[in-house]
Amino acid sequence: MHDHHDHSHCAHAPAGLSLTPARQLVLDKLCAAGRPVGAYEMIDLVAEATGKRPAPVAIYRALDFLQENGLVHRLATRNAYLACGHRHDRAARVAFLICEACGKVSEVTSPQVDAQLGALAAQSGFAAHGQVIEITGRCRDCAPT
């Protein structure tokens, strides 16, 4: 059974991409969480929803598929996944501002930063595959005044 909630802030499958019920459930759970979720926590969330405990490989396959199709991002520093909250170009470099105090994660993009990083990579003859930048610190609510 799927949770029914507002997905307006979440990524949607692009036209022509059909999600299996398992992949849709994983995406739904990430959207509902609104925060980074690790694969083993996702196993628990799916088990709660379906009454069946999925194998880790099934969850990793679903997350990999969703990531490859631009619907989720992987935060390497947290070893967790987050539903894509913006409608940016799939090739755009995305920066995540991660609050060390409360755990809030904000997804941001910048055409200027994207262009500069692209130019730096091109000058070095480097073909970038990973395009996620993670910045840790304190959010506005947690920063000392």
C-alpha atoms as a PDB file:
ATOM      1  CA  MET A   1       0.000   0.000   0.000  1.00  0.00           C
ATOM      2  CA  HIS A   2       1.304   3.460  -0.887  1.00  0.00           C
ATOM      3  CA  ASP A   3       1.115   6.526   1.331  1.00  0.00           C
ATOM      4  CA  HIS A   4      -0.881   9.249  -0.388  1.00  0.00           C
ATOM      5  CA  HIS A   5       0.674  12.645   0.145  1.00  0.00           C
ATOM      6  CA  ASP A   6       1.547  15.796  -1.749  1.00  0.00           C
ATOM      7  CA  HIS A   7       4.380  15.079  -4.178  1.00  0.00           C
ATOM      8  CA  SER A   8       4.569  18.646  -5.505  1.00  0.00           C
ATOM      9  CA  HIS A   9       8.003  19.084  -3.911  1.00  0.00           C
ATOM     10  CA  CYS A  10       9.253  15.725  -5.154  1.00  0.00           C
ATOM     11  CA  ALA A  11      10.690  14.477  -8.389  1.00  0.00           C
ATOM     12  CA  HIS A  12       8.325  12.899 -10.861  1.00  0.00           C
ATOM     13  CA  ALA A  13       9.120  10.236 -13.391  1.00  0.00           C
ATOM     14  CA  PRO A  14       9.770  11.870 -16.765  1.00  0.00           C
ATOM     15  CA  ALA A  15       7.425  11.076 -19.617  1.00  0.00           C
ATOM     16  CA  GLY A  16       8.139   7.640 -21.006  1.00  0.00           C
ATOM     17  CA  LEU A  17       9.643   6.311 -17.773  1.00  0.00           C
ATOM     18  CA  SER A  18       7.456   3.757 -16.076  1.00  0.00           C
ATOM     19  CA  LEU A  19       8.201   2.871 -12.480  1.00  0.00           C
ATOM     20  CA  THR A  20       7.559  -0.598 -11.116  1.00  0.00           C
ATOM     21  CA  PRO A  21       5.426  -0.686  -7.963  1.00  0.00           C
ATOM     22  CA  ALA A  22       8.559  -1.378  -5.888  1.00  0.00           C
ATOM     23  CA  ARG A  23      10.449   1.589  -7.355  1.00  0.00           C
ATOM     24  CA  GLN A  24       7.404   3.823  -6.936  1.00  0.00           C
ATOM     25  CA  LEU A  25       7.100   2.776  -3.300  1.00  0.00           C
ATOM     26  CA  VAL A  26      10.755   3.614  -2.636  1.00  0.00           C
ATOM     27  CA  LEU A  27      10.307   7.023  -4.309  1.00  0.00           C
ATOM     28  CA  ASP A  28       7.104   7.618  -2.329  1.00  0.00           C
ATOM     29  CA  LYS A  29       8.881   6.795   0.932  1.00  0.00           C
ATOM     30  CA  LEU A  30      11.782   9.142   0.115  1.00  0.00           C
ATOM     31  CA  CYS A  31       9.372  11.933  -0.758  1.00  0.00           C
ATOM     32  CA  ALA A  32       7.354  11.383   2.411  1.00  0.00           C
ATOM     33  CA  ALA A  33      10.505  11.384   4.559  1.00  0.00           C
ATOM     34  CA  GLY A  34      11.628  14.758   3.214  1.00  0.00           C
ATOM     35  CA  ARG A  35      15.135  14.008   4.467  1.00  0.00           C
ATOM     36  CA  PRO A  36      18.034  11.703   3.608  1.00  0.00           C
ATOM     37  CA  VAL A  37      17.227   8.035   4.184  1.00  0.00           C
ATOM     38  CA  GLY A  38      19.746   5.198   4.265  1.00  0.00           C
ATOM     39  CA  ALA A  39      19.135   1.936   2.425  1.00  0.00           C
ATOM     40  CA  TYR A  40      18.611  -0.092   5.594  1.00  0.00           C
ATOM     41  CA  GLU A  41      16.152   2.458   6.957  1.00  0.00           C
ATOM     42  CA  MET A  42      14.381   2.208   3.583  1.00  0.00           C
ATOM     43  CA  ILE A  43      14.102  -1.550   4.090  1.00  0.00           C
ATOM     44  CA  ASP A  44      12.275  -0.860   7.367  1.00  0.00           C
ATOM     45  CA  LEU A  45       9.986   1.717   5.725  1.00  0.00           C
ATOM     46  CA  VAL A  46       9.071  -0.659   2.901  1.00  0.00           C
ATOM     47  CA  ALA A  47       8.523  -3.518   5.371  1.00  0.00           C
ATOM     48  CA  GLU A  48       6.157  -1.317   7.406  1.00  0.00           C
ATOM     49  CA  ALA A  49       4.196  -0.439   4.264  1.00  0.00           C
ATOM     50  CA  THR A  50       3.998  -3.909   2.716  1.00  0.00           C
ATOM     51  CA  GLY A  51       4.310  -6.327   5.619  1.00  0.00           C
ATOM     52  CA  LYS A  52       7.224  -7.979   3.788  1.00  0.00           C
ATOM     53  CA  ARG A  53      10.896  -7.306   4.432  1.00  0.00           C
ATOM     54  CA  PRO A  54      12.648  -6.718   1.082  1.00  0.00           C
ATOM     55  CA  ALA A  55      16.161  -7.933   0.449  1.00  0.00           C
ATOM     56  CA  PRO A  56      18.843  -5.231   0.595  1.00  0.00           C
ATOM     57  CA  VAL A  57      19.758  -5.892  -3.043  1.00  0.00           C
ATOM     58  CA  ALA A  58      16.178  -5.068  -4.109  1.00  0.00           C
ATOM     59  CA  ILE A  59      16.312  -1.724  -2.305  1.00  0.00           C
ATOM     60  CA  TYR A  60      19.754  -0.881  -3.711  1.00  0.00           C
ATOM     61  CA  ARG A  61      18.566  -1.732  -7.230  1.00  0.00           C
ATOM     62  CA  ALA A  62      15.520   0.508  -6.846  1.00  0.00           C
ATOM     63  CA  LEU A  63      17.639   3.353  -5.453  1.00  0.00           C
ATOM     64  CA  ASP A  64      20.227   2.943  -8.225  1.00  0.00           C
ATOM     65  CA  PHE A  65      17.502   3.061 -10.884  1.00  0.00           C
ATOM     66  CA  LEU A  66      15.910   6.143  -9.334  1.00  0.00           C
ATOM     67  CA  GLN A  67      19.320   7.824  -9.081  1.00  0.00           C
ATOM     68  CA  GLU A  68      20.258   6.978 -12.673  1.00  0.00           C
ATOM     69  CA  ASN A  69      16.993   8.558 -13.823  1.00  0.00           C
ATOM     70  CA  GLY A  70      17.448  11.766 -11.847  1.00  0.00           C
ATOM     71  CA  LEU A  71      14.682  11.151  -9.322  1.00  0.00           C
ATOM     72  CA  VAL A  72      16.910  10.830  -6.259  1.00  0.00           C
ATOM     73  CA  HIS A  73      20.355  11.956  -5.191  1.00  0.00           C
ATOM     74  CA  ARG A  74      22.855  10.056  -3.101  1.00  0.00           C
ATOM     75  CA  LEU A  75      24.590  11.954  -0.322  1.00  0.00           C
ATOM     76  CA  ALA A  76      27.978  10.279  -0.021  1.00  0.00           C
ATOM     77  CA  THR A  77      28.848  11.874   3.318  1.00  0.00           C
ATOM     78  CA  ARG A  78      25.636  10.529   4.855  1.00  0.00           C
ATOM     79  CA  ASN A  79      25.463   7.288   2.838  1.00  0.00           C
ATOM     80  CA  ALA A  80      21.822   8.152   2.278  1.00  0.00           C
ATOM     81  CA  TYR A  81      19.407   9.040  -0.489  1.00  0.00           C
ATOM     82  CA  LEU A  82      17.159  12.064  -0.932  1.00  0.00           C
ATOM     83  CA  ALA A  83      14.296  12.608  -3.365  1.00  0.00           C
ATOM     84  CA  CYS A  84      15.199  15.281  -5.897  1.00  0.00           C
ATOM     85  CA  GLY A  85      13.396  18.425  -4.847  1.00  0.00           C
ATOM     86  CA  HIS A  86      14.002  20.549  -7.943  1.00  0.00           C
ATOM     87  CA  ARG A  87      13.337  20.381 -11.618  1.00  0.00           C
ATOM     88  CA  HIS A  88      16.893  20.998 -12.768  1.00  0.00           C
ATOM     89  CA  ASP A  89      18.662  19.658 -15.812  1.00  0.00           C
ATOM     90  CA  ARG A  90      19.770  16.085 -15.203  1.00  0.00           C
ATOM     91  CA  ALA A  91      23.366  16.994 -15.994  1.00  0.00           C
ATOM     92  CA  ALA A  92      23.393  20.041 -13.705  1.00  0.00           C
ATOM     93  CA  ARG A  93      25.749  20.011 -10.773  1.00  0.00           C
ATOM     94  CA  VAL A  94      23.737  20.033  -7.578  1.00  0.00           C
ATOM     95  CA  ALA A  95      24.945  21.331  -4.237  1.00  0.00           C
ATOM     96  CA  PHE A  96      23.507  20.150  -0.957  1.00  0.00           C
ATOM     97  CA  LEU A  97      23.743  22.382   2.082  1.00  0.00           C
ATOM     98  CA  ILE A  98      23.726  19.972   5.031  1.00  0.00           C
ATOM     99  CA  CYS A  99      23.156  21.310   8.541  1.00  0.00           C
ATOM    100  CA  GLU A 100      25.361  19.502  11.042  1.00  0.00           C
ATOM    101  CA  ALA A 101      23.079  20.515  13.916  1.00  0.00           C
ATOM    102  CA  CYS A 102      19.533  19.673  12.797  1.00  0.00           C
ATOM    103  CA  GLY A 103      20.220  17.521   9.714  1.00  0.00           C
ATOM    104  CA  LYS A 104      18.216  19.720   7.330  1.00  0.00           C
ATOM    105  CA  VAL A 105      19.349  19.366   3.714  1.00  0.00           C
ATOM    106  CA  SER A 106      18.743  22.052   1.091  1.00  0.00           C
ATOM    107  CA  GLU A 107      19.255  21.321  -2.606  1.00  0.00           C
ATOM    108  CA  VAL A 108      20.577  24.224  -4.664  1.00  0.00           C
ATOM    109  CA  THR A 109      21.901  24.788  -8.163  1.00  0.00           C
ATOM    110  CA  SER A 110      23.829  27.660  -9.687  1.00  0.00           C
ATOM    111  CA  PRO A 111      24.361  28.136 -13.427  1.00  0.00           C
ATOM    112  CA  GLN A 112      27.481  30.201 -12.638  1.00  0.00           C
ATOM    113  CA  VAL A 113      29.051  27.511 -10.438  1.00  0.00           C
ATOM    114  CA  ASP A 114      28.021  24.848 -12.941  1.00  0.00           C
ATOM    115  CA  ALA A 115      29.726  26.733 -15.782  1.00  0.00           C
ATOM    116  CA  GLN A 116      32.908  27.338 -13.759  1.00  0.00           C
ATOM    117  CA  LEU A 117      33.209  23.704 -12.670  1.00  0.00           C
ATOM    118  CA  GLY A 118      32.508  22.549 -16.215  1.00  0.00           C
ATOM    119  CA  ALA A 119      35.249  24.826 -17.519  1.00  0.00           C
ATOM    120  CA  LEU A 120      37.728  23.578 -14.901  1.00  0.00           C
ATOM    121  CA  ALA A 121      36.994  19.970 -15.798  1.00  0.00           C
ATOM    122  CA  ALA A 122      37.283  20.691 -19.545  1.00  0.00           C
ATOM    123  CA  GLN A 123      40.631  22.481 -19.088  1.00  0.00           C
ATOM    124  CA  SER A 124      41.938  19.375 -17.356  1.00  0.00           C
ATOM    125  CA  GLY A 125      40.502  17.029 -19.963  1.00  0.00           C
ATOM    126  CA  PHE A 126      38.394  15.491 -17.218  1.00  0.00           C
ATOM    127  CA  ALA A 127      35.037  13.843 -17.962  1.00  0.00           C
ATOM    128  CA  ALA A 128      33.006  14.241 -14.780  1.00  0.00           C
ATOM    129  CA  HIS A 129      30.449  11.608 -13.818  1.00  0.00           C
ATOM    130  CA  GLY A 130      29.716  12.615 -10.233  1.00  0.00           C
ATOM    131  CA  GLN A 131      28.029  15.971 -10.157  1.00  0.00           C
ATOM    132  CA  VAL A 132      26.964  16.385  -6.526  1.00  0.00           C
ATOM    133  CA  ILE A 133      28.584  18.842  -4.132  1.00  0.00           C
ATOM    134  CA  GLU A 134      28.021  18.467  -0.397  1.00  0.00           C
ATOM    135  CA  ILE A 135      28.610  21.420   1.904  1.00  0.00           C
ATOM    136  CA  THR A 136      28.282  20.946   5.646  1.00  0.00           C
ATOM    137  CA  GLY A 137      27.752  23.679   8.177  1.00  0.00           C
ATOM    138  CA  ARG A 138      24.885  25.299  10.038  1.00  0.00           C
ATOM    139  CA  CYS A 139      21.557  26.349   8.561  1.00  0.00           C
ATOM    140  CA  ARG A 140      20.036  29.749   9.241  1.00  0.00           C
ATOM    141  CA  ASP A 141      17.999  28.383  12.163  1.00  0.00           C
ATOM    142  CA  CYS A 142      20.983  26.673  13.822  1.00  0.00           C
ATOM    143  CA  ALA A 143      23.745  29.214  13.090  1.00  0.00           C
ATOM    144  CA  PRO A 144      24.936  31.209  16.099  1.00  0.00           C
ATOM    145  CA  THR A 145      23.613  34.733  16.066  1.00  0.00           C
END
